[in-house]
Amino acid sequence: MKKDIHPEYHEITVVMTDGTTFKTRSTMGKEGETLKLDIDPKTHPAWTGGAQHLVDSGGQVARFNKRFKGMGV
């Protein structure tokens, strides 16, 4: 492995949106810094299965539904 080409790998603290914390190792920041998350797996709909909605830009969803309404899927 080449010397002096890799970033420093150190311990940081991660603060979740609900205030819980955990320690991990990262190349972000400096030793002992804190990473505060705005979105995390405990609250984001992509991981929690929360409400989903389609954004119909230019009627694309309406055209799709009209085109494939008889498919019965």
PDB file of N, CA and C in Angstrom:
ATOM      1  N   MET A   1       0.845  -1.171   0.000  1.00  0.00           N
ATOM      2  CA  MET A   1       0.000   0.000   0.000  1.00  0.00           C
ATOM      3  C   MET A   1       0.895   1.239   0.000  1.00  0.00           C
ATOM      4  N   LYS A   2       0.544   2.220  -0.832  1.00  0.00           N
ATOM      5  CA  LYS A   2       1.324   3.456  -0.888  1.00  0.00           C
ATOM      6  C   LYS A   2       1.114   4.269   0.378  1.00  0.00           C
ATOM      7  N   LYS A   3       2.137   4.943   0.819  1.00  0.00           N
ATOM      8  CA  LYS A   3       2.051   5.786   2.011  1.00  0.00           C
ATOM      9  C   LYS A   3       1.550   7.174   1.639  1.00  0.00           C
ATOM     10  N   ASP A   4       0.868   7.812   2.581  1.00  0.00           N
ATOM     11  CA  ASP A   4       0.405   9.203   2.482  1.00  0.00           C
ATOM     12  C   ASP A   4      -0.588   9.462   1.359  1.00  0.00           C
ATOM     13  N   ILE A   5      -1.323   8.455   0.905  1.00  0.00           N
ATOM     14  CA  ILE A   5      -2.353   8.716  -0.101  1.00  0.00           C
ATOM     15  C   ILE A   5      -3.762   8.482   0.446  1.00  0.00           C
ATOM     16  N   HIS A   6      -3.869   7.850   1.617  1.00  0.00           N
ATOM     17  CA  HIS A   6      -5.168   7.536   2.181  1.00  0.00           C
ATOM     18  C   HIS A   6      -5.542   8.551   3.257  1.00  0.00           C
ATOM     19  N   PRO A   7      -6.839   8.931   3.331  1.00  0.00           N
ATOM     20  CA  PRO A   7      -7.268   9.857   4.378  1.00  0.00           C
ATOM     21  C   PRO A   7      -7.169   9.218   5.764  1.00  0.00           C
ATOM     22  N   GLU A   8      -7.090  10.050   6.775  1.00  0.00           N
ATOM     23  CA  GLU A   8      -7.020   9.565   8.156  1.00  0.00           C
ATOM     24  C   GLU A   8      -8.349   8.923   8.543  1.00  0.00           C
ATOM     25  N   TYR A   9      -8.284   7.753   9.140  1.00  0.00           N
ATOM     26  CA  TYR A   9      -9.452   6.991   9.567  1.00  0.00           C
ATOM     27  C   TYR A   9      -9.526   7.069  11.081  1.00  0.00           C
ATOM     28  N   HIS A  10     -10.598   7.656  11.629  1.00  0.00           N
ATOM     29  CA  HIS A  10     -10.678   7.919  13.063  1.00  0.00           C
ATOM     30  C   HIS A  10     -12.113   7.737  13.560  1.00  0.00           C
ATOM     31  N   GLU A  11     -12.307   7.853  14.862  1.00  0.00           N
ATOM     32  CA  GLU A  11     -13.621   7.664  15.471  1.00  0.00           C
ATOM     33  C   GLU A  11     -14.381   8.981  15.532  1.00  0.00           C
ATOM     34  N   ILE A  12     -15.689   8.933  15.138  1.00  0.00           N
ATOM     35  CA  ILE A  12     -16.574  10.086  15.257  1.00  0.00           C
ATOM     36  C   ILE A  12     -17.854   9.635  15.952  1.00  0.00           C
ATOM     37  N   THR A  13     -18.680  10.601  16.359  1.00  0.00           N
ATOM     38  CA  THR A  13     -19.971  10.313  16.969  1.00  0.00           C
ATOM     39  C   THR A  13     -21.062  10.723  15.992  1.00  0.00           C
ATOM     40  N   VAL A  14     -22.045   9.838  15.778  1.00  0.00           N
ATOM     41  CA  VAL A  14     -23.175  10.115  14.898  1.00  0.00           C
ATOM     42  C   VAL A  14     -24.398  10.331  15.773  1.00  0.00           C
ATOM     43  N   VAL A  15     -25.117  11.446  15.531  1.00  0.00           N
ATOM     44  CA  VAL A  15     -26.336  11.762  16.273  1.00  0.00           C
ATOM     45  C   VAL A  15     -27.519  11.576  15.328  1.00  0.00           C
ATOM     46  N   MET A  16     -28.414  10.643  15.669  1.00  0.00           N
ATOM     47  CA  MET A  16     -29.597  10.372  14.855  1.00  0.00           C
ATOM     48  C   MET A  16     -30.629  11.473  15.068  1.00  0.00           C
ATOM     49  N   THR A  17     -31.701  11.484  14.257  1.00  0.00           N
ATOM     50  CA  THR A  17     -32.721  12.532  14.359  1.00  0.00           C
ATOM     51  C   THR A  17     -33.484  12.481  15.677  1.00  0.00           C
ATOM     52  N   ASP A  18     -33.550  11.308  16.310  1.00  0.00           N
ATOM     53  CA  ASP A  18     -34.267  11.211  17.590  1.00  0.00           C
ATOM     54  C   ASP A  18     -33.363  11.494  18.791  1.00  0.00           C
ATOM     55  N   GLY A  19     -32.101  11.855  18.526  1.00  0.00           N
ATOM     56  CA  GLY A  19     -31.185  12.219  19.602  1.00  0.00           C
ATOM     57  C   GLY A  19     -30.271  11.100  20.071  1.00  0.00           C
ATOM     58  N   THR A  20     -30.530   9.864  19.640  1.00  0.00           N
ATOM     59  CA  THR A  20     -29.648   8.777  20.028  1.00  0.00           C
ATOM     60  C   THR A  20     -28.300   8.930  19.319  1.00  0.00           C
ATOM     61  N   THR A  21     -27.267   8.409  19.947  1.00  0.00           N
ATOM     62  CA  THR A  21     -25.933   8.548  19.379  1.00  0.00           C
ATOM     63  C   THR A  21     -25.236   7.196  19.316  1.00  0.00           C
ATOM     64  N   PHE A  22     -24.268   7.105  18.436  1.00  0.00           N
ATOM     65  CA  PHE A  22     -23.390   5.944  18.394  1.00  0.00           C
ATOM     66  C   PHE A  22     -22.046   6.367  17.827  1.00  0.00           C
ATOM     67  N   LYS A  23     -21.042   5.601  18.120  1.00  0.00           N
ATOM     68  CA  LYS A  23     -19.700   5.893  17.635  1.00  0.00           C
ATOM     69  C   LYS A  23     -19.376   4.968  16.467  1.00  0.00           C
ATOM     70  N   THR A  24     -18.667   5.527  15.495  1.00  0.00           N
ATOM     71  CA  THR A  24     -18.229   4.754  14.342  1.00  0.00           C
ATOM     72  C   THR A  24     -16.904   5.313  13.863  1.00  0.00           C
ATOM     73  N   ARG A  25     -16.295   4.614  12.928  1.00  0.00           N
ATOM     74  CA  ARG A  25     -15.036   5.096  12.374  1.00  0.00           C
ATOM     75  C   ARG A  25     -15.312   5.651  10.983  1.00  0.00           C
ATOM     76  N   SER A  26     -14.635   6.757  10.649  1.00  0.00           N
ATOM     77  CA  SER A  26     -14.897   7.445   9.395  1.00  0.00           C
ATOM     78  C   SER A  26     -13.680   8.256   8.957  1.00  0.00           C
ATOM     79  N   THR A  27     -13.694   8.691   7.719  1.00  0.00           N
ATOM     80  CA  THR A  27     -12.676   9.616   7.227  1.00  0.00           C
ATOM     81  C   THR A  27     -13.192  11.050   7.279  1.00  0.00           C
ATOM     82  N   MET A  28     -14.479  11.242   7.694  1.00  0.00           N
ATOM     83  CA  MET A  28     -15.076  12.561   7.783  1.00  0.00           C
ATOM     84  C   MET A  28     -14.505  13.360   8.951  1.00  0.00           C
ATOM     85  N   GLY A  29     -14.222  14.623   8.735  1.00  0.00           N
ATOM     86  CA  GLY A  29     -13.808  15.497   9.822  1.00  0.00           C
ATOM     87  C   GLY A  29     -12.533  15.074  10.520  1.00  0.00           C
ATOM     88  N   LYS A  30     -12.527  15.357  11.827  1.00  0.00           N
ATOM     89  CA  LYS A  30     -11.358  15.028  12.649  1.00  0.00           C
ATOM     90  C   LYS A  30     -11.773  14.128  13.802  1.00  0.00           C
ATOM     91  N   GLU A  31     -10.804  13.555  14.468  1.00  0.00           N
ATOM     92  CA  GLU A  31     -11.033  12.679  15.619  1.00  0.00           C
ATOM     93  C   GLU A  31     -11.964  13.365  16.628  1.00  0.00           C
ATOM     94  N   GLY A  32     -13.053  12.657  17.030  1.00  0.00           N
ATOM     95  CA  GLY A  32     -13.949  13.157  18.060  1.00  0.00           C
ATOM     96  C   GLY A  32     -15.043  14.086  17.575  1.00  0.00           C
ATOM     97  N   GLU A  33     -15.096  14.416  16.292  1.00  0.00           N
ATOM     98  CA  GLU A  33     -16.155  15.306  15.787  1.00  0.00           C
ATOM     99  C   GLU A  33     -17.496  14.597  15.805  1.00  0.00           C
ATOM    100  N   THR A  34     -18.580  15.374  15.654  1.00  0.00           N
ATOM    101  CA  THR A  34     -19.935  14.854  15.680  1.00  0.00           C
ATOM    102  C   THR A  34     -20.598  15.080  14.331  1.00  0.00           C
ATOM    103  N   LEU A  35     -21.263  14.054  13.816  1.00  0.00           N
ATOM    104  CA  LEU A  35     -22.040  14.135  12.587  1.00  0.00           C
ATOM    105  C   LEU A  35     -23.500  14.078  12.980  1.00  0.00           C
ATOM    106  N   LYS A  36     -24.253  15.164  12.762  1.00  0.00           N
ATOM    107  CA  LYS A  36     -25.663  15.223  13.124  1.00  0.00           C
ATOM    108  C   LYS A  36     -26.480  14.992  11.858  1.00  0.00           C
ATOM    109  N   LEU A  37     -27.310  13.953  11.871  1.00  0.00           N
ATOM    110  CA  LEU A  37     -28.094  13.586  10.699  1.00  0.00           C
ATOM    111  C   LEU A  37     -29.410  14.344  10.641  1.00  0.00           C
ATOM    112  N   ASP A  38     -29.786  14.798   9.435  1.00  0.00           N
ATOM    113  CA  ASP A  38     -31.093  15.409   9.207  1.00  0.00           C
ATOM    114  C   ASP A  38     -32.116  14.337   8.839  1.00  0.00           C
ATOM    115  N   ILE A  39     -31.648  13.304   8.137  1.00  0.00           N
ATOM    116  CA  ILE A  39     -32.492  12.195   7.705  1.00  0.00           C
ATOM    117  C   ILE A  39     -31.741  10.917   8.048  1.00  0.00           C
ATOM    118  N   ASP A  40     -32.431   9.967   8.637  1.00  0.00           N
ATOM    119  CA  ASP A  40     -31.779   8.692   8.954  1.00  0.00           C
ATOM    120  C   ASP A  40     -32.738   7.533   8.707  1.00  0.00           C
ATOM    121  N   PRO A  41     -32.244   6.301   8.734  1.00  0.00           N
ATOM    122  CA  PRO A  41     -33.085   5.141   8.438  1.00  0.00           C
ATOM    123  C   PRO A  41     -34.266   4.944   9.388  1.00  0.00           C
ATOM    124  N   LYS A  42     -34.223   5.535  10.569  1.00  0.00           N
ATOM    125  CA  LYS A  42     -35.340   5.383  11.509  1.00  0.00           C
ATOM    126  C   LYS A  42     -36.540   6.233  11.101  1.00  0.00           C
ATOM    127  N   THR A  43     -36.327   7.318  10.336  1.00  0.00           N
ATOM    128  CA  THR A  43     -37.408   8.244  10.030  1.00  0.00           C
ATOM    129  C   THR A  43     -37.706   8.409   8.549  1.00  0.00           C
ATOM    130  N   HIS A  44     -36.801   8.034   7.668  1.00  0.00           N
ATOM    131  CA  HIS A  44     -36.988   8.267   6.239  1.00  0.00           C
ATOM    132  C   HIS A  44     -37.970   7.257   5.644  1.00  0.00           C
ATOM    133  N   PRO A  45     -38.951   7.722   4.857  1.00  0.00           N
ATOM    134  CA  PRO A  45     -39.955   6.819   4.280  1.00  0.00           C
ATOM    135  C   PRO A  45     -39.374   5.708   3.411  1.00  0.00           C
ATOM    136  N   ALA A  46     -38.208   5.917   2.819  1.00  0.00           N
ATOM    137  CA  ALA A  46     -37.612   4.882   1.982  1.00  0.00           C
ATOM    138  C   ALA A  46     -37.294   3.630   2.802  1.00  0.00           C
ATOM    139  N   TRP A  47     -37.016   3.793   4.090  1.00  0.00           N
ATOM    140  CA  TRP A  47     -36.679   2.655   4.943  1.00  0.00           C
ATOM    141  C   TRP A  47     -37.816   2.245   5.857  1.00  0.00           C
ATOM    142  N   THR A  48     -38.743   3.159   6.144  1.00  0.00           N
ATOM    143  CA  THR A  48     -39.809   2.849   7.094  1.00  0.00           C
ATOM    144  C   THR A  48     -41.097   2.412   6.413  1.00  0.00           C
ATOM    145  N   GLY A  49     -41.194   2.565   5.089  1.00  0.00           N
ATOM    146  CA  GLY A  49     -42.414   2.196   4.374  1.00  0.00           C
ATOM    147  C   GLY A  49     -43.513   3.206   4.586  1.00  0.00           C
ATOM    148  N   GLY A  50     -43.144   4.450   4.825  1.00  0.00           N
ATOM    149  CA  GLY A  50     -44.117   5.515   5.057  1.00  0.00           C
ATOM    150  C   GLY A  50     -44.929   5.832   3.820  1.00  0.00           C
ATOM    151  N   ALA A  51     -45.780   6.812   3.950  1.00  0.00           N
ATOM    152  CA  ALA A  51     -46.673   7.207   2.861  1.00  0.00           C
ATOM    153  C   ALA A  51     -45.883   7.546   1.611  1.00  0.00           C
ATOM    154  N   GLN A  52     -46.360   7.015   0.496  1.00  0.00           N
ATOM    155  CA  GLN A  52     -45.719   7.291  -0.775  1.00  0.00           C
ATOM    156  C   GLN A  52     -46.702   8.018  -1.664  1.00  0.00           C
ATOM    157  N   HIS A  53     -46.194   8.902  -2.498  1.00  0.00           N
ATOM    158  CA  HIS A  53     -47.053   9.592  -3.452  1.00  0.00           C
ATOM    159  C   HIS A  53     -46.287   9.790  -4.752  1.00  0.00           C
ATOM    160  N   LEU A  54     -47.038   9.820  -5.842  1.00  0.00           N
ATOM    161  CA  LEU A  54     -46.433  10.030  -7.152  1.00  0.00           C
ATOM    162  C   LEU A  54     -46.552  11.497  -7.528  1.00  0.00           C
ATOM    163  N   VAL A  55     -45.507  12.048  -8.073  1.00  0.00           N
ATOM    164  CA  VAL A  55     -45.530  13.412  -8.556  1.00  0.00           C
ATOM    165  C   VAL A  55     -45.812  13.344 -10.042  1.00  0.00           C
ATOM    166  N   ASP A  56     -46.950  13.886 -10.449  1.00  0.00           N
ATOM    167  CA  ASP A  56     -47.367  13.826 -11.840  1.00  0.00           C
ATOM    168  C   ASP A  56     -46.872  15.069 -12.564  1.00  0.00           C
ATOM    169  N   SER A  57     -45.702  14.946 -13.168  1.00  0.00           N
ATOM    170  CA  SER A  57     -45.144  16.088 -13.897  1.00  0.00           C
ATOM    171  C   SER A  57     -45.565  15.995 -15.354  1.00  0.00           C
ATOM    172  N   GLY A  58     -46.378  16.951 -15.777  1.00  0.00           N
ATOM    173  CA  GLY A  58     -46.812  16.993 -17.166  1.00  0.00           C
ATOM    174  C   GLY A  58     -47.835  15.931 -17.530  1.00  0.00           C
ATOM    175  N   GLY A  59     -48.556  15.374 -16.568  1.00  0.00           N
ATOM    176  CA  GLY A  59     -49.591  14.387 -16.845  1.00  0.00           C
ATOM    177  C   GLY A  59     -49.061  13.014 -17.214  1.00  0.00           C
ATOM    178  N   GLN A  60     -47.802  12.720 -16.916  1.00  0.00           N
ATOM    179  CA  GLN A  60     -47.219  11.438 -17.297  1.00  0.00           C
ATOM    180  C   GLN A  60     -47.912  10.273 -16.603  1.00  0.00           C
ATOM    181  N   VAL A  61     -48.243  10.431 -15.332  1.00  0.00           N
ATOM    182  CA  VAL A  61     -48.914   9.350 -14.599  1.00  0.00           C
ATOM    183  C   VAL A  61     -50.308   9.127 -15.173  1.00  0.00           C
ATOM    184  N   ALA A  62     -51.017  10.208 -15.483  1.00  0.00           N
ATOM    185  CA  ALA A  62     -52.357  10.092 -16.064  1.00  0.00           C
ATOM    186  C   ALA A  62     -52.301   9.391 -17.421  1.00  0.00           C
ATOM    187  N   ARG A  63     -51.320   9.740 -18.250  1.00  0.00           N
ATOM    188  CA  ARG A  63     -51.173   9.088 -19.554  1.00  0.00           C
ATOM    189  C   ARG A  63     -50.848   7.604 -19.386  1.00  0.00           C
ATOM    190  N   PHE A  64     -49.983   7.277 -18.430  1.00  0.00           N
ATOM    191  CA  PHE A  64     -49.637   5.883 -18.164  1.00  0.00           C
ATOM    192  C   PHE A  64     -50.878   5.103 -17.739  1.00  0.00           C
ATOM    193  N   ASN A  65     -51.623   5.666 -16.780  1.00  0.00           N
ATOM    194  CA  ASN A  65     -52.823   4.984 -16.291  1.00  0.00           C
ATOM    195  C   ASN A  65     -53.846   4.799 -17.406  1.00  0.00           C
ATOM    196  N   LYS A  66     -54.013   5.793 -18.272  1.00  0.00           N
ATOM    197  CA  LYS A  66     -54.951   5.713 -19.384  1.00  0.00           C
ATOM    198  C   LYS A  66     -54.511   4.638 -20.370  1.00  0.00           C
ATOM    199  N   ARG A  67     -53.229   4.574 -20.637  1.00  0.00           N
ATOM    200  CA  ARG A  67     -52.694   3.631 -21.621  1.00  0.00           C
ATOM    201  C   ARG A  67     -52.803   2.176 -21.135  1.00  0.00           C
ATOM    202  N   PHE A  68     -52.566   1.949 -19.833  1.00  0.00           N
ATOM    203  CA  PHE A  68     -52.517   0.590 -19.322  1.00  0.00           C
ATOM    204  C   PHE A  68     -53.677   0.234 -18.385  1.00  0.00           C
ATOM    205  N   LYS A  69     -54.815   0.963 -18.469  1.00  0.00           N
ATOM    206  CA  LYS A  69     -55.917   0.716 -17.532  1.00  0.00           C
ATOM    207  C   LYS A  69     -56.551  -0.664 -17.688  1.00  0.00           C
ATOM    208  N   GLY A  70     -56.482  -1.247 -18.867  1.00  0.00           N
ATOM    209  CA  GLY A  70     -57.114  -2.540 -19.099  1.00  0.00           C
ATOM    210  C   GLY A  70     -56.239  -3.741 -18.766  1.00  0.00           C
ATOM    211  N   MET A  71     -55.040  -3.508 -18.249  1.00  0.00           N
ATOM    212  CA  MET A  71     -54.128  -4.611 -17.981  1.00  0.00           C
ATOM    213  C   MET A  71     -54.549  -5.459 -16.796  1.00  0.00           C
ATOM    214  N   GLY A  72     -55.256  -4.882 -15.824  1.00  0.00           N
ATOM    215  CA  GLY A  72     -55.737  -5.628 -14.670  1.00  0.00           C
ATOM    216  C   GLY A  72     -54.644  -6.113 -13.744  1.00  0.00           C
ATOM    217  N   VAL A  73     -53.594  -5.343 -13.622  1.00  0.00           N
ATOM    218  CA  VAL A  73     -52.484  -5.746 -12.758  1.00  0.00           C
ATOM    219  C   VAL A  73     -52.733  -5.320 -11.347  1.00  0.00           C
TER     220      VAL A  73
END
